[in-house]
């Protein structure tokens, strides 16, 4: 039986997308059974098409699709897997390490969430603003001295991809940048992400274009881990987040940079990225017909986030077609 453990919360329930866990229990049970039945049926149909990948522990599953791979994907590195077991459906250069730009912020968020105390208040330091300005990083419009909670800063980092928020979180949780980056790399080591290394909490090219890097396979594992955390999943599924003005902060309205979240039905996250060296990148997860799929595209284009979204859509449409064509669910 396929494991559903990563989707369970502390009460042993599967959280609803955009809702609570204690309502519509019957629908949750149905969705859980549907996932097992559909994947079980497809695996039976696939028969002897399950093959071992070159990497130990990685399994590719070839289902009865009309083509052996999605057409027109431009990314130099990519991977797509089912979101329950991590079984790889298709990949391109899955173990090649390349720059990953702001997808780095997924690891930054993971370290912060694992540390806990998300309601602690943090003051934005002067260095966070200078950091964004010096390296021309995307920002969340934070201002020197304003006070926000760690949870609010996670929204600021993950939705508009605020490098100012990433720096502020790293400074508070490290404590200090060096300490935090060391924790990022320790976490990667413990997760077995051998092709991954971090030198900056935002993914900016510091000290060089290629000093922060990862592989499609490693990012798949990172995405699976992060999306198993309810607070992370809630944040990256939001299209926008409003912080009203308060005694210690200005008002903010942060909107996601993830075009797939706005345009592709069933998208539930997770993170975009772009630098000159990395090109446009997207780590994503969707749930359609109760079936979660997770994947990443790296360097879809030199500078077009639409290209990364289109690559993800091509991969998802290819994978969902044999499922949705036999189910009365769009």
Protein backbone atom coordinates (compact mmCIF):
# COMPACT_ATOMS: atom_id res chain seq x y z
CA UNK A 1 0.00 0.00 0.00
CA UNK A 2 1.23 3.49 -0.76
CA UNK A 3 2.22 5.48 2.30
CA UNK A 4 0.13 8.56 3.13
CA UNK A 5 2.15 9.42 6.21
CA UNK A 6 3.55 12.69 4.94
CA UNK A 7 0.05 14.12 4.46
CA UNK A 8 -1.08 13.39 8.03
CA UNK A 9 -1.15 16.06 10.68
CA UNK A 10 -0.53 15.58 14.39
CA UNK A 11 -4.05 14.21 14.79
CA UNK A 12 -3.49 11.61 12.09
CA UNK A 13 -5.77 13.46 9.68
CA UNK A 14 -5.19 14.74 6.17
CA UNK A 15 -5.43 18.56 6.15
CA UNK A 16 -7.87 20.00 3.64
CA UNK A 17 -6.57 22.47 1.09
CA UNK A 18 -7.95 25.80 2.25
CA UNK A 19 -9.94 24.36 5.12
CA UNK A 20 -9.87 22.73 8.53
CA UNK A 21 -9.24 19.10 9.37
CA UNK A 22 -12.35 18.29 11.38
CA UNK A 23 -14.98 19.09 8.77
CA UNK A 24 -16.07 16.98 5.84
CA UNK A 25 -14.48 13.82 7.26
CA UNK A 26 -16.28 11.71 4.73
CA UNK A 27 -14.81 13.70 1.86
CA UNK A 28 -11.32 13.36 3.29
CA UNK A 29 -11.76 9.61 3.59
CA UNK A 30 -13.03 9.43 0.01
CA UNK A 31 -10.09 11.48 -1.28
CA UNK A 32 -7.65 9.25 0.58
CA UNK A 33 -9.20 6.10 -0.86
CA UNK A 34 -9.35 7.67 -4.31
CA UNK A 35 -5.62 8.36 -4.30
CA UNK A 36 -4.87 4.75 -3.36
CA UNK A 37 -7.31 3.31 -5.88
CA UNK A 38 -6.19 5.46 -8.80
CA UNK A 39 -2.47 4.98 -8.24
CA UNK A 40 -3.00 1.30 -7.48
CA UNK A 41 -4.97 0.83 -10.68
CA UNK A 42 -2.41 2.67 -12.76
CA UNK A 43 0.43 0.68 -11.27
CA UNK A 44 -1.39 -2.56 -12.10
CA UNK A 45 -1.94 -1.33 -15.66
CA UNK A 46 1.70 -0.39 -15.91
CA UNK A 47 2.59 -3.96 -15.07
CA UNK A 48 6.24 -4.60 -15.67
CA UNK A 49 7.02 -0.99 -16.59
CA UNK A 50 8.46 -0.16 -13.16
CA UNK A 51 12.20 0.29 -13.61
CA UNK A 52 14.98 1.19 -11.21
CA UNK A 53 16.68 4.53 -11.71
CA UNK A 54 20.45 4.88 -11.59
CA UNK A 55 20.32 6.45 -8.12
CA UNK A 56 19.77 4.13 -5.19
CA UNK A 57 16.27 4.35 -3.76
CA UNK A 58 14.85 6.35 -6.69
CA UNK A 59 12.13 4.59 -8.68
CA UNK A 60 10.73 5.70 -12.03
CA UNK A 61 7.18 4.65 -12.85
CA UNK A 62 6.12 4.53 -16.49
CA UNK A 63 2.37 4.63 -16.84
CA UNK A 64 0.32 4.14 -20.04
CA UNK A 65 0.77 7.62 -21.51
CA UNK A 66 0.51 8.37 -25.20
CA UNK A 67 4.09 9.70 -25.21
CA UNK A 68 7.11 8.65 -23.20
CA UNK A 69 7.78 12.20 -22.04
CA UNK A 70 6.10 15.60 -21.99
CA UNK A 71 6.53 17.58 -25.19
CA UNK A 72 8.13 20.99 -25.41
CA UNK A 73 9.76 21.26 -21.97
CA UNK A 74 12.59 23.77 -22.29
CA UNK A 75 14.14 23.48 -18.82
CA UNK A 76 17.67 22.12 -18.77
CA UNK A 77 16.88 20.20 -15.58
CA UNK A 78 13.47 18.91 -14.50
CA UNK A 79 11.69 16.22 -12.53
CA UNK A 80 8.07 15.20 -11.88
CA UNK A 81 6.89 12.73 -9.25
CA UNK A 82 3.77 11.63 -7.44
CA UNK A 83 3.34 13.66 -4.30
CA UNK A 84 2.62 10.72 -1.99
CA UNK A 85 5.58 8.38 -2.41
CA UNK A 86 7.96 10.57 -4.40
CA UNK A 87 7.97 8.02 -7.22
CA UNK A 88 9.54 9.71 -10.25
CA UNK A 89 7.37 9.83 -13.37
CA UNK A 90 9.79 11.71 -15.62
CA UNK A 91 13.08 13.56 -15.27
CA UNK A 92 15.82 15.37 -17.18
CA UNK A 93 19.32 15.69 -15.73
CA UNK A 94 17.95 14.83 -12.25
CA UNK A 95 21.36 14.63 -10.54
CA UNK A 96 23.11 17.59 -12.16
CA UNK A 97 23.86 20.41 -9.71
CA UNK A 98 22.97 23.91 -10.95
CA UNK A 99 22.14 27.30 -9.39
CA UNK A 100 18.61 27.38 -7.96
CA UNK A 101 18.08 31.08 -7.16
CA UNK A 102 15.17 31.79 -4.78
CA UNK A 103 14.07 28.17 -4.52
CA UNK A 104 16.74 28.35 -1.82
CA UNK A 105 14.13 30.09 0.33
CA UNK A 106 12.30 26.77 0.73
CA UNK A 107 15.25 25.51 2.79
CA UNK A 108 15.37 28.82 4.68
CA UNK A 109 11.69 28.39 5.57
CA UNK A 110 12.23 24.75 6.56
CA UNK A 111 15.01 25.69 9.00
CA UNK A 112 12.89 28.46 10.54
CA UNK A 113 9.79 26.29 10.88
CA UNK A 114 11.79 23.43 12.39
CA UNK A 115 13.22 25.89 14.94
CA UNK A 116 9.69 26.91 15.95
CA UNK A 117 8.43 29.94 17.85
CA UNK A 118 6.84 31.49 14.76
CA UNK A 119 5.03 34.09 16.85
CA UNK A 120 8.28 35.65 18.08
CA UNK A 121 8.69 39.28 17.10
CA UNK A 122 11.70 40.25 14.98
CA UNK A 123 13.01 43.70 14.17
CA UNK A 124 14.11 44.30 10.60
CA UNK A 125 17.83 45.24 10.72
CA UNK A 126 19.51 47.93 8.63
CA UNK A 127 21.66 45.26 6.95
CA UNK A 128 18.60 43.53 5.45
CA UNK A 129 17.71 46.60 3.43
CA UNK A 130 21.31 47.22 2.35
CA UNK A 131 21.63 43.53 1.38
CA UNK A 132 18.71 43.75 -1.07
CA UNK A 133 19.94 47.04 -2.51
CA UNK A 134 23.54 45.91 -2.96
CA UNK A 135 22.65 42.64 -4.69
CA UNK A 136 19.55 43.88 -6.54
CA UNK A 137 17.42 41.25 -4.81
CA UNK A 138 13.65 41.03 -4.88
CA UNK A 139 12.13 42.51 -1.74
CA UNK A 140 8.98 42.56 0.36
CA UNK A 141 9.12 46.28 1.04
CA UNK A 142 10.35 45.92 4.60
CA UNK A 143 11.65 49.05 6.31
CA UNK A 144 14.37 49.53 8.86
CA UNK A 145 13.23 48.98 12.43
CA UNK A 146 9.76 47.64 11.78
CA UNK A 147 8.67 44.70 13.90
CA UNK A 148 6.98 41.61 12.43
CA UNK A 149 6.48 38.06 13.60
CA UNK A 150 8.50 35.20 12.15
CA UNK A 151 5.30 33.85 10.61
CA UNK A 152 4.65 37.16 8.83
CA UNK A 153 8.25 37.22 7.62
CA UNK A 154 7.78 33.74 6.14
CA UNK A 155 4.91 35.11 4.06
CA UNK A 156 7.12 38.06 3.09
CA UNK A 157 9.86 35.69 1.99
CA UNK A 158 7.81 33.02 0.21
CA UNK A 159 5.13 35.05 -1.61
CA UNK A 160 6.92 38.11 -3.09
CA UNK A 161 10.26 36.33 -2.64
CA UNK A 162 11.56 38.97 -0.26
CA UNK A 163 15.32 38.74 0.15
CA UNK A 164 14.98 41.33 2.91
CA UNK A 165 12.73 38.90 4.80
CA UNK A 166 15.13 35.99 4.23
CA UNK A 167 18.05 38.02 5.58
CA UNK A 168 16.00 39.14 8.60
CA UNK A 169 14.95 35.58 9.44
CA UNK A 170 18.49 34.25 9.04
CA UNK A 171 19.88 36.99 11.26
CA UNK A 172 17.34 36.21 13.99
CA UNK A 173 17.41 32.42 13.84
CA UNK A 174 21.12 31.85 13.10
CA UNK A 175 21.82 33.76 15.09
CA UNK A 176 23.64 35.59 12.32
CA UNK A 177 24.02 34.74 8.64
CA UNK A 178 26.92 32.30 9.03
CA UNK A 179 25.20 30.31 11.74
CA UNK A 180 21.98 30.10 9.76
CA UNK A 181 23.69 29.04 6.53
CA UNK A 182 25.53 26.34 8.46
CA UNK A 183 22.15 25.07 9.69
CA UNK A 184 20.82 25.06 6.12
CA UNK A 185 23.73 22.87 5.01
CA UNK A 186 23.43 20.61 8.06
CA UNK A 187 19.76 20.09 7.24
CA UNK A 188 20.63 19.26 3.63
CA UNK A 189 23.25 16.78 4.84
CA UNK A 190 20.82 15.05 7.20
CA UNK A 191 18.25 14.84 4.39
CA UNK A 192 20.81 13.16 2.13
CA UNK A 193 20.87 16.02 -0.40
CA UNK A 194 24.37 15.28 -1.64
CA UNK A 195 24.12 17.56 -4.67
CA UNK A 196 23.05 20.62 -2.67
CA UNK A 197 24.98 23.46 -1.03
CA UNK A 198 24.00 26.87 0.31
CA UNK A 199 26.03 30.06 0.77
CA UNK A 200 23.12 32.51 1.13
CA UNK A 201 19.61 32.33 2.66
CA UNK A 202 17.98 33.91 -0.41
CA UNK A 203 19.78 32.13 -3.24
CA UNK A 204 21.42 35.34 -4.43
CA UNK A 205 24.78 34.87 -6.22
CA UNK A 206 26.86 35.36 -3.07
CA UNK A 207 29.83 35.01 -3.25
CA UNK A 208 29.56 33.64 -6.82
CA UNK A 209 26.87 32.76 -9.35
CA UNK A 210 27.29 29.04 -8.71
CA UNK A 211 28.05 28.86 -4.97
CA UNK A 212 24.45 27.96 -4.03
CA UNK A 213 23.25 24.98 -6.03
CA UNK A 214 21.11 21.85 -6.02
CA UNK A 215 19.73 19.14 -8.32
CA UNK A 216 16.19 18.41 -9.52
CA UNK A 217 16.16 15.19 -7.46
CA UNK A 218 17.33 16.98 -4.30
CA UNK A 219 14.76 19.74 -4.76
CA UNK A 220 12.06 17.12 -5.15
CA UNK A 221 13.02 15.70 -1.76
CA UNK A 222 13.18 19.20 -0.25
CA UNK A 223 9.76 20.06 -1.67
CA UNK A 224 8.22 16.88 -0.30
CA UNK A 225 9.61 17.62 3.16
CA UNK A 226 8.52 21.25 3.18
CA UNK A 227 5.04 20.53 1.88
CA UNK A 228 4.52 17.96 4.64
CA UNK A 229 4.56 20.87 7.13
CA UNK A 230 1.06 22.39 7.46
CA UNK A 231 2.31 25.92 8.14
CA UNK A 232 4.56 25.90 5.06
CA UNK A 233 1.80 24.43 2.91
CA UNK A 234 -0.64 27.08 4.10
CA UNK A 235 1.75 29.92 3.30
CA UNK A 236 2.76 28.84 -0.21
CA UNK A 237 -0.84 28.10 -1.19
CA UNK A 238 -1.81 31.75 -0.59
CA UNK A 239 -2.04 34.07 -3.58
CA UNK A 240 -1.73 37.11 -1.33
CA UNK A 241 -1.30 38.06 2.32
CA UNK A 242 -2.20 41.35 4.00
CA UNK A 243 -0.56 42.73 7.13
CA UNK A 244 -2.41 45.77 8.49
CA UNK A 245 -0.42 48.68 9.84
CA UNK A 246 0.35 48.38 13.54
CA UNK A 247 2.31 50.18 16.25
CA UNK A 248 5.58 48.67 15.06
CA UNK A 249 5.03 48.04 11.37
CA UNK A 250 3.72 49.53 8.16
CA UNK A 251 0.91 47.92 6.16
CA UNK A 252 1.95 45.26 3.65
CA UNK A 253 0.19 43.40 0.86
CA UNK A 254 2.32 40.56 -0.44
CA UNK A 255 1.37 38.70 -3.61
CA UNK A 256 2.78 35.44 -4.88
CA UNK A 257 5.26 35.37 -7.74
CA UNK A 258 4.00 31.87 -8.63
CA UNK A 259 2.06 32.22 -11.89
CA UNK A 260 1.15 28.53 -11.79
CA UNK A 261 -0.76 29.11 -8.54
CA UNK A 262 -2.94 31.68 -10.31
CA UNK A 263 -3.33 29.95 -13.67
CA UNK A 264 -3.28 26.15 -13.23
CA UNK A 265 -6.23 24.44 -11.48
CA UNK A 266 -5.25 22.50 -8.38
CA UNK A 267 -1.89 24.20 -7.75
CA UNK A 268 -1.04 24.36 -4.05
CA UNK A 269 2.48 25.93 -4.18
CA UNK A 270 5.42 26.25 -3.96
CA UNK A 271 8.33 28.60 -5.04
CA UNK A 272 9.77 30.50 -7.98
CA UNK A 273 13.36 31.56 -8.60
CA UNK A 274 15.49 33.63 -10.95
CA UNK A 275 19.05 34.85 -11.28
CA UNK A 276 21.20 35.36 -14.38
CA UNK A 277 22.98 32.06 -13.76
CA UNK A 278 19.92 30.04 -12.70
CA UNK A 279 17.50 31.39 -15.28
CA UNK A 280 13.84 31.03 -14.40
CA UNK A 281 13.01 28.16 -12.07
CA UNK A 282 9.88 26.77 -10.43
CA UNK A 283 9.30 24.17 -7.72
CA UNK A 284 5.61 23.26 -7.75
CA UNK A 285 2.92 20.94 -6.40
CA UNK A 286 -0.62 20.36 -7.63
CA UNK A 287 -3.57 18.23 -6.55
CA UNK A 288 -6.13 17.24 -9.15
CA UNK A 289 -8.71 14.48 -8.80
CA UNK A 290 -7.23 13.96 -5.34
CA UNK A 291 -3.86 13.09 -6.89
CA UNK A 292 -0.83 15.18 -5.80
CA UNK A 293 2.06 15.68 -8.21
CA UNK A 294 5.26 17.55 -7.36
CA UNK A 295 8.05 18.70 -9.62
CA UNK A 296 10.66 21.28 -10.51
CA UNK A 297 11.97 23.00 -13.64
CA UNK A 298 15.40 24.66 -13.65
CA UNK A 299 16.52 27.22 -16.24
CA UNK A 300 13.40 27.18 -18.39
CA UNK A 301 14.45 30.52 -19.83
CA UNK A 302 17.04 33.21 -19.31
CA UNK A 303 14.48 35.61 -17.87
CA UNK A 304 10.84 34.58 -18.52
CA UNK A 305 8.82 33.30 -15.57
CA UNK A 306 6.08 32.47 -18.07
CA UNK A 307 8.44 29.92 -19.62
CA UNK A 308 8.88 28.16 -16.27
CA UNK A 309 5.12 28.11 -15.72
CA UNK A 310 4.54 26.73 -19.22
CA UNK A 311 7.13 23.99 -18.68
CA UNK A 312 5.40 22.95 -15.46
CA UNK A 313 2.01 22.93 -17.21
CA UNK A 314 3.33 20.72 -20.01
CA UNK A 315 4.67 18.22 -17.48
CA UNK A 316 1.49 18.23 -15.41
CA UNK A 317 -0.87 17.91 -18.36
CA UNK A 318 1.15 14.98 -19.66
CA UNK A 319 0.98 13.23 -16.28
CA UNK A 320 -2.65 13.95 -15.44
CA UNK A 321 -4.09 13.07 -18.85
CA UNK A 322 -4.41 9.28 -18.30
CA UNK A 323 -5.89 9.88 -14.85
CA UNK A 324 -8.41 12.60 -15.67
CA UNK A 325 -9.47 10.94 -18.92
CA UNK A 326 -10.88 7.97 -16.99
CA UNK A 327 -12.33 9.86 -14.02
CA UNK A 328 -15.46 12.05 -13.94
CA UNK A 329 -13.38 14.85 -12.38
CA UNK A 330 -11.79 17.74 -14.27
